Amino acid sequence: MDMIAAIVGALDKREIFQSIISYSGRQHAQFGVKRAHFVAFGDALLWSLERQFGAAFTPELKQAWSALYDAVQREMIRAARI
């Protein structure tokens, strides 16, 4: 959750945002994370957010989180070279 908070906190700071994601992608590769793990984590993240926020997790908010996660996932996979 700390990493997600850091990513969200850096959304308006492009260089820091990019650095966090690239570093995290490389770290995940060292831990043996595979491409499919990113997909499973994204599904679990959205599920968790829906459960936590209930009705406040509107379709628009879900779409925004999904778009953010997709962008982060793509960059982490690129940085991890998996």
N, C-alpha and C. Protein backbone atom coordinates (compact mmCIF):
# COMPACT_ATOMS: atom_id res chain seq x y z
N MET A 1 0.83 -1.20 0.00
CA MET A 1 0.00 0.00 0.00
C MET A 1 0.87 1.25 0.00
N ASP A 2 2.06 1.16 0.61
CA ASP A 2 2.95 2.32 0.60
C ASP A 2 3.35 2.68 -0.83
N MET A 3 3.60 1.66 -1.64
CA MET A 3 4.00 1.93 -3.02
C MET A 3 2.84 2.54 -3.80
N ILE A 4 1.65 2.06 -3.59
CA ILE A 4 0.48 2.64 -4.27
C ILE A 4 0.31 4.09 -3.84
N ALA A 5 0.48 4.36 -2.55
CA ALA A 5 0.39 5.74 -2.06
C ALA A 5 1.46 6.62 -2.69
N ALA A 6 2.68 6.10 -2.83
CA ALA A 6 3.75 6.87 -3.45
C ALA A 6 3.45 7.17 -4.92
N ILE A 7 2.92 6.18 -5.62
CA ILE A 7 2.57 6.36 -7.03
C ILE A 7 1.48 7.42 -7.18
N VAL A 8 0.44 7.30 -6.39
CA VAL A 8 -0.66 8.27 -6.46
C VAL A 8 -0.15 9.66 -6.07
N GLY A 9 0.70 9.71 -5.05
CA GLY A 9 1.24 10.99 -4.61
C GLY A 9 2.13 11.67 -5.64
N ALA A 10 2.67 10.89 -6.57
CA ALA A 10 3.58 11.44 -7.58
C ALA A 10 2.90 11.64 -8.94
N LEU A 11 1.60 11.51 -8.99
CA LEU A 11 0.91 11.62 -10.29
C LEU A 11 1.19 12.94 -11.00
N ASP A 12 1.35 14.00 -10.26
CA ASP A 12 1.58 15.30 -10.89
C ASP A 12 3.07 15.66 -10.96
N LYS A 13 3.93 14.69 -10.67
CA LYS A 13 5.38 14.88 -10.73
C LYS A 13 5.95 13.80 -11.65
N ARG A 14 5.89 14.03 -12.93
CA ARG A 14 6.17 13.02 -13.96
C ARG A 14 7.49 12.28 -13.75
N GLU A 15 8.58 13.00 -13.47
CA GLU A 15 9.87 12.34 -13.32
C GLU A 15 9.90 11.41 -12.11
N ILE A 16 9.33 11.87 -11.01
CA ILE A 16 9.30 11.03 -9.80
C ILE A 16 8.40 9.83 -10.02
N PHE A 17 7.24 10.07 -10.64
CA PHE A 17 6.30 9.00 -10.97
C PHE A 17 6.99 7.92 -11.80
N GLN A 18 7.69 8.35 -12.85
CA GLN A 18 8.38 7.41 -13.74
C GLN A 18 9.47 6.66 -12.99
N SER A 19 10.20 7.35 -12.15
CA SER A 19 11.28 6.73 -11.40
C SER A 19 10.75 5.66 -10.44
N ILE A 20 9.69 5.97 -9.74
CA ILE A 20 9.09 5.01 -8.80
C ILE A 20 8.65 3.74 -9.53
N ILE A 21 7.96 3.93 -10.64
CA ILE A 21 7.44 2.78 -11.38
C ILE A 21 8.57 1.94 -11.97
N SER A 22 9.55 2.58 -12.57
CA SER A 22 10.66 1.84 -13.16
C SER A 22 11.43 1.06 -12.11
N TYR A 23 11.73 1.71 -11.00
CA TYR A 23 12.44 1.03 -9.91
C TYR A 23 11.63 -0.16 -9.41
N SER A 24 10.35 0.06 -9.20
CA SER A 24 9.49 -1.01 -8.70
C SER A 24 9.43 -2.17 -9.68
N GLY A 25 9.36 -1.88 -10.96
CA GLY A 25 9.35 -2.93 -11.98
C GLY A 25 10.61 -3.78 -11.93
N ARG A 26 11.76 -3.11 -11.79
CA ARG A 26 13.02 -3.86 -11.70
C ARG A 26 13.07 -4.71 -10.43
N GLN A 27 12.60 -4.15 -9.33
CA GLN A 27 12.57 -4.90 -8.07
C GLN A 27 11.66 -6.13 -8.19
N HIS A 28 10.50 -5.94 -8.80
CA HIS A 28 9.58 -7.07 -8.95
C HIS A 28 10.21 -8.18 -9.79
N ALA A 29 10.97 -7.81 -10.81
CA ALA A 29 11.64 -8.82 -11.64
C ALA A 29 12.62 -9.62 -10.80
N GLN A 30 13.34 -8.96 -9.91
CA GLN A 30 14.29 -9.66 -9.04
C GLN A 30 13.58 -10.63 -8.10
N PHE A 31 12.34 -10.31 -7.75
CA PHE A 31 11.56 -11.19 -6.87
C PHE A 31 10.93 -12.35 -7.63
N GLY A 32 11.08 -12.36 -8.97
CA GLY A 32 10.53 -13.44 -9.77
C GLY A 32 9.10 -13.23 -10.22
N VAL A 33 8.62 -12.01 -10.15
CA VAL A 33 7.25 -11.72 -10.57
C VAL A 33 7.12 -11.92 -12.07
N LYS A 34 6.06 -12.55 -12.48
CA LYS A 34 5.77 -12.80 -13.90
C LYS A 34 4.66 -11.86 -14.37
N ARG A 35 4.54 -11.75 -15.67
CA ARG A 35 3.53 -10.88 -16.27
C ARG A 35 2.12 -11.18 -15.74
N ALA A 36 1.79 -12.44 -15.59
CA ALA A 36 0.45 -12.83 -15.12
C ALA A 36 0.19 -12.35 -13.70
N HIS A 37 1.24 -12.19 -12.91
CA HIS A 37 1.06 -11.71 -11.54
C HIS A 37 0.54 -10.28 -11.53
N PHE A 38 0.98 -9.48 -12.50
CA PHE A 38 0.51 -8.10 -12.58
C PHE A 38 -1.00 -8.05 -12.86
N VAL A 39 -1.45 -8.93 -13.72
CA VAL A 39 -2.88 -8.98 -14.05
C VAL A 39 -3.68 -9.38 -12.81
N ALA A 40 -3.22 -10.42 -12.12
CA ALA A 40 -3.92 -10.88 -10.91
C ALA A 40 -3.94 -9.78 -9.84
N PHE A 41 -2.83 -9.08 -9.68
CA PHE A 41 -2.78 -8.01 -8.69
C PHE A 41 -3.74 -6.89 -9.05
N GLY A 42 -3.80 -6.53 -10.31
CA GLY A 42 -4.73 -5.48 -10.74
C GLY A 42 -6.17 -5.84 -10.45
N ASP A 43 -6.52 -7.08 -10.72
CA ASP A 43 -7.88 -7.55 -10.41
C ASP A 43 -8.15 -7.49 -8.91
N ALA A 44 -7.17 -7.92 -8.11
CA ALA A 44 -7.32 -7.90 -6.65
C ALA A 44 -7.40 -6.47 -6.11
N LEU A 45 -6.62 -5.58 -6.69
CA LEU A 45 -6.65 -4.18 -6.26
C LEU A 45 -8.02 -3.57 -6.49
N LEU A 46 -8.57 -3.75 -7.70
CA LEU A 46 -9.89 -3.19 -7.99
C LEU A 46 -10.96 -3.82 -7.11
N TRP A 47 -10.88 -5.11 -6.89
CA TRP A 47 -11.83 -5.80 -6.02
C TRP A 47 -11.77 -5.22 -4.61
N SER A 48 -10.55 -5.03 -4.11
CA SER A 48 -10.37 -4.49 -2.76
C SER A 48 -10.91 -3.07 -2.64
N LEU A 49 -10.64 -2.25 -3.64
CA LEU A 49 -11.14 -0.88 -3.62
C LEU A 49 -12.67 -0.85 -3.64
N GLU A 50 -13.26 -1.72 -4.44
CA GLU A 50 -14.73 -1.80 -4.49
C GLU A 50 -15.30 -2.19 -3.12
N ARG A 51 -14.67 -3.14 -2.46
CA ARG A 51 -15.15 -3.58 -1.15
C ARG A 51 -14.95 -2.49 -0.10
N GLN A 52 -13.84 -1.80 -0.16
CA GLN A 52 -13.52 -0.78 0.83
C GLN A 52 -14.45 0.43 0.71
N PHE A 53 -14.70 0.88 -0.52
CA PHE A 53 -15.44 2.13 -0.72
C PHE A 53 -16.92 1.95 -1.03
N GLY A 54 -17.33 0.72 -1.31
CA GLY A 54 -18.74 0.46 -1.55
C GLY A 54 -19.33 1.33 -2.65
N ALA A 55 -20.47 1.93 -2.37
CA ALA A 55 -21.18 2.73 -3.37
C ALA A 55 -20.38 3.96 -3.80
N ALA A 56 -19.45 4.41 -2.96
CA ALA A 56 -18.62 5.57 -3.32
C ALA A 56 -17.63 5.23 -4.44
N PHE A 57 -17.43 3.94 -4.69
CA PHE A 57 -16.53 3.52 -5.77
C PHE A 57 -17.36 3.46 -7.05
N THR A 58 -17.59 4.62 -7.62
CA THR A 58 -18.45 4.77 -8.79
C THR A 58 -17.80 4.15 -10.03
N PRO A 59 -18.59 3.91 -11.07
CA PRO A 59 -18.00 3.41 -12.31
C PRO A 59 -16.89 4.32 -12.85
N GLU A 60 -17.05 5.63 -12.67
CA GLU A 60 -16.03 6.57 -13.14
C GLU A 60 -14.73 6.42 -12.33
N LEU A 61 -14.89 6.25 -11.03
CA LEU A 61 -13.72 6.05 -10.18
C LEU A 61 -13.04 4.73 -10.49
N LYS A 62 -13.83 3.70 -10.72
CA LYS A 62 -13.26 2.40 -11.09
C LYS A 62 -12.49 2.51 -12.40
N GLN A 63 -13.04 3.22 -13.36
CA GLN A 63 -12.36 3.41 -14.64
C GLN A 63 -11.06 4.17 -14.47
N ALA A 64 -11.06 5.17 -13.61
CA ALA A 64 -9.85 5.96 -13.37
C ALA A 64 -8.75 5.09 -12.73
N TRP A 65 -9.11 4.29 -11.73
CA TRP A 65 -8.15 3.40 -11.10
C TRP A 65 -7.66 2.35 -12.09
N SER A 66 -8.55 1.84 -12.91
CA SER A 66 -8.17 0.84 -13.90
C SER A 66 -7.18 1.43 -14.90
N ALA A 67 -7.44 2.63 -15.36
CA ALA A 67 -6.55 3.29 -16.31
C ALA A 67 -5.18 3.55 -15.68
N LEU A 68 -5.18 4.00 -14.43
CA LEU A 68 -3.92 4.23 -13.74
C LEU A 68 -3.15 2.92 -13.60
N TYR A 69 -3.82 1.87 -13.14
CA TYR A 69 -3.13 0.60 -12.96
C TYR A 69 -2.61 0.07 -14.29
N ASP A 70 -3.38 0.19 -15.36
CA ASP A 70 -2.92 -0.28 -16.67
C ASP A 70 -1.63 0.43 -17.08
N ALA A 71 -1.57 1.75 -16.87
CA ALA A 71 -0.37 2.52 -17.22
C ALA A 71 0.82 2.10 -16.36
N VAL A 72 0.58 1.94 -15.07
CA VAL A 72 1.65 1.52 -14.16
C VAL A 72 2.13 0.12 -14.52
N GLN A 73 1.19 -0.77 -14.77
CA GLN A 73 1.53 -2.15 -15.13
C GLN A 73 2.38 -2.20 -16.38
N ARG A 74 2.00 -1.48 -17.41
CA ARG A 74 2.76 -1.47 -18.67
C ARG A 74 4.20 -1.02 -18.43
N GLU A 75 4.36 0.05 -17.66
CA GLU A 75 5.70 0.58 -17.42
C GLU A 75 6.53 -0.34 -16.53
N MET A 76 5.90 -0.95 -15.54
CA MET A 76 6.62 -1.88 -14.67
C MET A 76 7.08 -3.10 -15.46
N ILE A 77 6.23 -3.61 -16.32
CA ILE A 77 6.60 -4.77 -17.15
C ILE A 77 7.73 -4.39 -18.10
N ARG A 78 7.65 -3.19 -18.65
CA ARG A 78 8.73 -2.72 -19.55
C ARG A 78 10.03 -2.63 -18.77
N ALA A 79 10.01 -2.04 -17.59
CA ALA A 79 11.22 -1.88 -16.78
C ALA A 79 11.76 -3.23 -16.31
N ALA A 80 10.86 -4.17 -16.04
CA ALA A 80 11.26 -5.50 -15.57
C ALA A 80 11.76 -6.37 -16.71
N ARG A 81 11.40 -5.99 -17.94
CA ARG A 81 11.78 -6.75 -19.14
C ARG A 81 11.27 -8.20 -19.06
N ILE A 82 9.99 -8.33 -18.66
CA ILE A 82 9.38 -9.67 -18.58
C ILE A 82 8.30 -9.82 -19.61
